[in-house]
Amino acid sequence: MNAPVSQKASPYAAPAMALVSKMTRAALAEPERAVSFQGAPGANSHIAALEYDPDCLPMPCFSFADAIDAVKEGRAARAIIPIENSHNGRVADIHFLLPESGLAITGEHFMEIHHNLMGLGDGPFRAVISHPQALGQCRHRLRADGLVGMDHADTAGAAATVFEQQDPGLAAIAPEMAAGLYGLKIVARDIEDAHDNMTRFVMLAKDGLDPATITGPAMTTFVFEVRNIPAALYKALGGFATNGVNMTKLESYQKGAAFAATEFYADIVGAPGQPAVDRALEELGFYSKHLRILGSYRQARPRG
């Protein structure tokens, strides 16, 4: 199954596009091993895919929606998507994309994020390009070096752009893998302002896991909208407290432009089939307009 690379990938710089084409052809030939991710080759999501499953075939996609579509259309068995960062919070649009995708969360992966300054040579550099979050996480170093930051769609794509432009005064902030892929020199390593920078990724697939098959501690992720009655959220969440179910995340986001309906995104420790979880979800459902479980999966790290 050797299909041409989608035109959606055209915004990549030429050095990245060559790798995108090669990696996509390999993934399409064995879709059962393919894991789609957002970004250019060498992006943090590329690294996360290989850490989660060293035997997978990573498939670069230009956007999160493209990575999800690759799974929905059968071109990849799974997608790996970042959903939150320890310093920047949730990844934009993910809370909308996940429920709308129709895919299920089947796993999670935590990865330390390190930012490296790289260029064609040792500098001096007048400007640095990278994803806005990477620039923000390195703002102290950029200010100290007098570097002007310029936004790019992703970190690895920024590295490919630096190589493509062949401008010795231009640098990129990107993962170490990107420097190797695009022939850049790492001038400074680990330039992030905080060294406890962690991103949580989730693995998505068409079919969710049977909670009964999960070995070890499990997590369950779901979205819900409470009924429009006084204290509905308080009452909806009361079942988790009374049944001793640990809720590790609860975030709200607006649904639609009227600001009249609030959706909630939640993670709990445990899975359906466990009596306490079943009772808590039943009570939540009673006070909710709708409740949708996005997936149950094995914990990648303990929740205390």
Protein backbone atom coordinates (compact mmCIF):
# COMPACT_ATOMS: atom_id res chain seq x y z
CA MET A 1 0.00 0.00 0.00
CA ASN A 2 2.20 2.85 -1.26
CA ALA A 3 0.09 5.97 -1.48
CA PRO A 4 1.54 9.42 -2.17
CA VAL A 5 2.03 11.81 0.72
CA SER A 6 -0.94 14.11 1.22
CA GLN A 7 -0.68 17.67 0.03
CA LYS A 8 -1.52 18.67 3.58
CA ALA A 9 2.16 18.03 4.36
CA SER A 10 3.38 20.72 1.90
CA PRO A 11 4.03 23.41 4.57
CA TYR A 12 7.11 21.46 5.74
CA ALA A 13 10.52 22.82 4.80
CA ALA A 14 12.21 20.84 2.03
CA PRO A 15 14.65 18.91 4.28
CA ALA A 16 11.74 17.81 6.48
CA MET A 17 9.53 16.99 3.49
CA ALA A 18 12.03 14.45 2.20
CA LEU A 19 11.92 12.62 5.54
CA VAL A 20 8.12 12.96 5.76
CA SER A 21 7.78 11.24 2.38
CA LYS A 22 10.11 8.40 3.35
CA MET A 23 8.52 7.81 6.76
CA THR A 24 4.98 8.01 5.40
CA ARG A 25 5.68 5.43 2.70
CA ALA A 26 7.11 3.05 5.30
CA ALA A 27 4.12 3.55 7.61
CA LEU A 28 1.55 3.10 4.83
CA ALA A 29 3.18 -0.20 3.88
CA GLU A 30 2.54 -1.55 7.41
CA PRO A 31 -0.37 0.43 8.88
CA GLU A 32 -0.70 -1.99 11.80
CA ARG A 33 2.68 -0.69 13.05
CA ALA A 34 2.11 2.95 12.13
CA VAL A 35 1.75 5.64 14.79
CA SER A 36 0.75 9.06 13.50
CA PHE A 37 1.99 12.21 15.24
CA GLN A 38 1.84 15.97 14.75
CA GLY A 39 5.02 17.71 13.69
CA ALA A 40 8.07 17.33 11.51
CA PRO A 41 10.41 14.35 11.91
CA GLY A 42 12.44 14.89 15.05
CA ALA A 43 9.60 16.52 16.98
CA ASN A 44 8.97 15.62 20.61
CA SER A 45 5.92 13.58 19.54
CA HIS A 46 8.17 11.57 17.18
CA ILE A 47 10.48 10.82 20.09
CA ALA A 48 7.54 9.95 22.35
CA ALA A 49 6.18 7.48 19.80
CA LEU A 50 9.51 5.64 19.70
CA GLU A 51 9.82 5.66 23.49
CA TYR A 52 6.30 4.24 23.86
CA ASP A 53 6.78 1.59 21.18
CA PRO A 54 10.33 1.22 19.78
CA ASP A 55 9.01 -1.13 17.07
CA CYS A 56 6.46 1.33 15.68
CA LEU A 57 6.63 3.19 12.36
CA PRO A 58 6.13 6.90 13.15
CA MET A 59 4.03 8.80 10.57
CA PRO A 60 4.51 12.61 10.54
CA CYS A 61 1.38 14.75 10.11
CA PHE A 62 1.17 18.51 9.84
CA SER A 63 -1.67 18.99 12.36
CA PHE A 64 -3.33 17.15 15.23
CA ALA A 65 -6.44 16.74 13.08
CA ASP A 66 -4.34 15.11 10.34
CA ALA A 67 -2.81 12.67 12.85
CA ILE A 68 -6.27 11.72 14.11
CA ASP A 69 -7.62 11.36 10.57
CA ALA A 70 -4.79 8.94 9.74
CA VAL A 71 -6.20 6.56 12.37
CA LYS A 72 -9.84 7.13 11.46
CA GLU A 73 -9.05 6.38 7.79
CA GLY A 74 -6.99 3.27 8.58
CA ARG A 75 -3.63 4.63 7.43
CA ALA A 76 -2.24 4.23 10.96
CA ALA A 77 -3.29 1.94 13.78
CA ARG A 78 -2.60 4.53 16.47
CA ALA A 79 -1.88 8.21 17.05
CA ILE A 80 0.18 9.75 19.83
CA ILE A 81 -0.99 13.18 20.94
CA PRO A 82 0.32 15.54 23.66
CA ILE A 83 -2.50 16.65 25.93
CA GLU A 84 -0.81 18.60 28.72
CA ASN A 85 2.49 20.07 29.84
CA SER A 86 3.63 20.60 33.42
CA HIS A 87 4.38 24.28 32.75
CA ASN A 88 1.99 25.25 29.96
CA GLY A 89 -1.09 23.27 30.93
CA ARG A 90 -3.37 21.62 28.39
CA VAL A 91 -2.50 21.62 24.71
CA ALA A 92 -4.78 23.93 22.72
CA ASP A 93 -7.77 22.33 20.94
CA ILE A 94 -7.10 18.84 22.29
CA HIS A 95 -10.17 18.86 24.53
CA PHE A 96 -12.30 19.54 21.46
CA LEU A 97 -10.48 17.16 19.11
CA LEU A 98 -10.50 14.10 21.37
CA PRO A 99 -14.28 13.83 21.96
CA GLU A 100 -15.05 14.68 18.33
CA SER A 101 -12.52 12.19 16.93
CA GLY A 102 -14.48 9.05 17.84
CA LEU A 103 -11.16 7.46 18.87
CA ALA A 104 -10.38 5.90 22.23
CA ILE A 105 -7.46 6.47 24.59
CA THR A 106 -5.55 3.22 25.00
CA GLY A 107 -2.40 4.37 26.77
CA GLU A 108 -0.41 7.26 28.17
CA HIS A 109 3.25 8.27 28.14
CA PHE A 110 5.20 10.87 30.10
CA MET A 111 8.31 12.45 28.61
CA GLU A 112 10.77 15.00 29.91
CA ILE A 113 11.11 17.93 27.50
CA HIS A 114 14.55 19.39 26.85
CA HIS A 115 15.25 22.32 24.56
CA ASN A 116 18.50 22.72 22.64
CA LEU A 117 19.86 25.73 20.74
CA MET A 118 21.14 24.67 17.32
CA GLY A 119 22.33 26.23 14.10
CA LEU A 120 24.59 25.81 11.10
CA GLY A 121 27.57 26.79 13.22
CA ASP A 122 28.53 28.40 16.53
CA GLY A 123 26.90 31.75 15.82
CA PRO A 124 26.64 34.54 16.77
CA PHE A 125 22.90 34.33 16.16
CA ARG A 126 20.58 37.27 15.73
CA ALA A 127 17.29 35.32 15.87
CA VAL A 128 15.92 31.94 16.91
CA ILE A 129 12.83 30.16 15.61
CA SER A 130 10.75 27.52 17.36
CA HIS A 131 7.25 26.64 18.55
CA PRO A 132 5.80 29.43 20.74
CA GLN A 133 5.75 27.15 23.80
CA ALA A 134 9.44 26.31 23.39
CA LEU A 135 10.32 29.98 23.00
CA GLY A 136 8.32 30.79 26.12
CA GLN A 137 10.00 28.02 28.11
CA CYS A 138 13.44 29.42 27.16
CA ARG A 139 12.70 33.13 27.48
CA HIS A 140 15.35 33.79 30.17
CA ARG A 141 18.11 32.32 28.02
CA LEU A 142 16.91 34.18 24.93
CA ARG A 143 16.80 37.46 26.82
CA ALA A 144 20.28 36.90 28.27
CA ASP A 145 21.71 36.20 24.78
CA GLY A 146 19.80 39.07 23.14
CA LEU A 147 18.04 36.73 20.71
CA VAL A 148 14.82 37.62 18.93
CA GLY A 149 12.31 34.76 19.03
CA MET A 150 10.16 33.96 15.99
CA ASP A 151 7.22 31.55 16.01
CA HIS A 152 7.19 28.34 13.98
CA ALA A 153 4.61 25.54 13.69
CA ASP A 154 6.80 23.06 15.58
CA THR A 155 10.29 22.69 17.01
CA ALA A 156 11.67 20.11 14.57
CA GLY A 157 10.19 22.02 11.64
CA ALA A 158 12.12 25.05 12.86
CA ALA A 159 15.36 23.05 12.71
CA ALA A 160 14.57 21.98 9.14
CA THR A 161 13.89 25.61 8.20
CA VAL A 162 17.26 26.74 9.59
CA PHE A 163 19.03 24.17 7.44
CA GLU A 164 16.95 25.07 4.39
CA GLN A 165 17.66 28.80 4.66
CA GLN A 166 21.41 28.29 5.17
CA ASP A 167 21.59 31.46 7.26
CA PRO A 168 24.40 31.25 9.87
CA GLY A 169 22.73 33.99 11.92
CA LEU A 170 19.53 31.97 12.39
CA ALA A 171 19.15 29.34 15.11
CA ALA A 172 16.42 26.95 16.20
CA ILE A 173 15.28 25.54 19.52
CA ALA A 174 14.49 21.86 19.02
CA PRO A 175 15.07 18.32 20.37
CA GLU A 176 18.48 16.72 19.97
CA MET A 177 17.06 14.28 17.38
CA ALA A 178 16.22 17.19 15.07
CA ALA A 179 19.83 18.36 15.01
CA GLY A 180 20.93 14.92 13.82
CA LEU A 181 18.21 14.67 11.19
CA TYR A 182 18.85 18.09 9.66
CA GLY A 183 22.61 18.41 10.02
CA LEU A 184 22.67 21.18 12.61
CA LYS A 185 25.17 21.77 15.40
CA ILE A 186 23.92 21.88 18.99
CA VAL A 187 25.40 25.04 20.48
CA ALA A 188 23.76 24.81 23.92
CA ARG A 189 21.85 21.97 25.56
CA ASP A 190 18.96 22.04 28.01
CA ILE A 191 18.36 25.78 27.79
CA GLU A 192 14.84 25.60 29.23
CA ASP A 193 14.21 27.87 32.20
CA ALA A 194 12.79 25.02 34.32
CA HIS A 195 14.28 21.54 34.20
CA ASP A 196 11.20 19.76 35.54
CA ASN A 197 9.42 20.18 32.20
CA MET A 198 7.19 17.17 31.49
CA THR A 199 4.61 16.47 28.78
CA ARG A 200 1.89 13.85 29.00
CA PHE A 201 0.93 12.09 25.77
CA VAL A 202 -1.99 9.76 25.09
CA MET A 203 -2.21 6.94 22.56
CA LEU A 204 -5.38 6.86 20.46
CA ALA A 205 -6.89 3.98 18.49
CA LYS A 206 -10.21 3.13 16.84
CA ASP A 207 -11.15 0.62 19.52
CA GLY A 208 -10.82 1.11 23.26
CA LEU A 209 -9.46 -1.46 25.69
CA ASP A 210 -11.70 -3.77 27.67
CA PRO A 211 -11.14 -2.51 31.25
CA ALA A 212 -11.08 -6.12 32.46
CA THR A 213 -7.90 -6.74 30.41
CA ILE A 214 -5.91 -3.88 31.98
CA THR A 215 -3.23 -5.19 34.31
CA GLY A 216 -2.15 -2.99 37.18
CA PRO A 217 -3.53 0.41 38.18
CA ALA A 218 -5.80 1.96 35.55
CA MET A 219 -6.87 5.44 34.54
CA THR A 220 -10.16 6.44 32.93
CA THR A 221 -10.73 9.64 30.96
CA PHE A 222 -14.19 11.03 30.20
CA VAL A 223 -16.06 14.18 29.24
CA PHE A 224 -19.44 15.32 30.53
CA GLU A 225 -21.87 18.23 30.67
CA VAL A 226 -23.91 18.75 33.81
CA ARG A 227 -27.63 19.50 33.84
CA ASN A 228 -28.69 23.12 34.18
CA ILE A 229 -29.81 22.91 37.81
CA PRO A 230 -28.38 24.50 40.97
CA ALA A 231 -25.33 22.76 42.43
CA ALA A 232 -25.33 20.21 39.60
CA LEU A 233 -21.53 20.01 39.40
CA TYR A 234 -21.21 19.65 43.18
CA LYS A 235 -23.77 16.84 43.20
CA ALA A 236 -22.30 15.18 40.10
CA LEU A 237 -18.84 14.98 41.63
CA GLY A 238 -20.05 13.93 45.06
CA GLY A 239 -20.17 10.30 44.02
CA PHE A 240 -16.42 10.20 43.49
CA ALA A 241 -15.78 11.48 47.01
CA THR A 242 -18.27 9.19 48.73
CA ASN A 243 -17.00 6.15 46.83
CA GLY A 244 -13.32 6.93 47.39
CA VAL A 245 -12.47 7.38 43.69
CA ASN A 246 -9.49 9.67 43.13
CA MET A 247 -10.12 12.34 40.47
CA THR A 248 -6.72 13.57 39.28
CA LYS A 249 -7.90 16.09 36.71
CA LEU A 250 -10.99 18.23 36.15
CA GLU A 251 -10.97 20.96 33.52
CA SER A 252 -13.77 23.00 32.00
CA TYR A 253 -14.10 24.45 28.53
CA GLN A 254 -16.85 26.27 26.71
CA LYS A 255 -18.96 24.53 24.10
CA GLY A 256 -20.19 26.85 21.34
CA ALA A 257 -20.16 30.63 21.14
CA ALA A 258 -23.10 31.27 23.47
CA PHE A 259 -21.06 30.54 26.64
CA ALA A 260 -24.16 28.77 27.95
CA ALA A 261 -22.88 25.18 28.04
CA THR A 262 -19.73 24.07 29.84
CA GLU A 263 -18.06 20.76 29.10
CA PHE A 264 -15.82 19.08 31.65
CA TYR A 265 -12.83 16.85 30.97
CA ALA A 266 -11.78 14.50 33.78
CA ASP A 267 -9.30 11.76 34.69
CA ILE A 268 -9.92 9.29 37.51
CA VAL A 269 -7.92 6.45 38.99
CA GLY A 270 -9.69 3.17 38.24
CA ALA A 271 -11.88 1.79 35.48
CA PRO A 272 -15.47 0.68 34.83
CA GLY A 273 -16.12 -2.75 36.28
CA GLN A 274 -14.72 -1.72 39.64
CA PRO A 275 -17.72 -1.30 41.98
CA ALA A 276 -16.64 2.08 43.37
CA VAL A 277 -16.02 3.49 39.89
CA ASP A 278 -19.34 2.13 38.60
CA ARG A 279 -21.24 3.75 41.46
CA ALA A 280 -19.47 7.09 40.99
CA LEU A 281 -20.11 7.13 37.23
CA GLU A 282 -23.75 6.19 37.75
CA GLU A 283 -24.23 9.16 40.06
CA LEU A 284 -22.37 11.43 37.63
CA GLY A 285 -24.66 10.27 34.82
CA PHE A 286 -27.76 11.11 36.84
CA TYR A 287 -26.73 14.78 37.05
CA SER A 288 -25.26 15.04 33.54
CA LYS A 289 -26.80 15.86 30.18
CA HIS A 290 -24.32 13.48 28.64
CA LEU A 291 -21.31 11.46 29.71
CA ARG A 292 -18.80 9.89 27.37
CA ILE A 293 -15.87 7.72 28.39
CA LEU A 294 -12.87 8.37 26.15
CA GLY A 295 -10.95 5.34 27.35
CA SER A 296 -9.55 3.27 30.19
CA TYR A 297 -5.85 2.38 30.13
CA ARG A 298 -2.92 1.38 32.29
CA GLN A 299 -1.24 4.13 34.34
CA ALA A 300 2.16 5.10 33.03
CA ARG A 301 3.09 6.53 36.43
CA PRO A 302 1.48 6.27 39.87
CA ARG A 303 -1.03 8.92 40.96
CA GLY A 304 -0.58 9.62 44.65
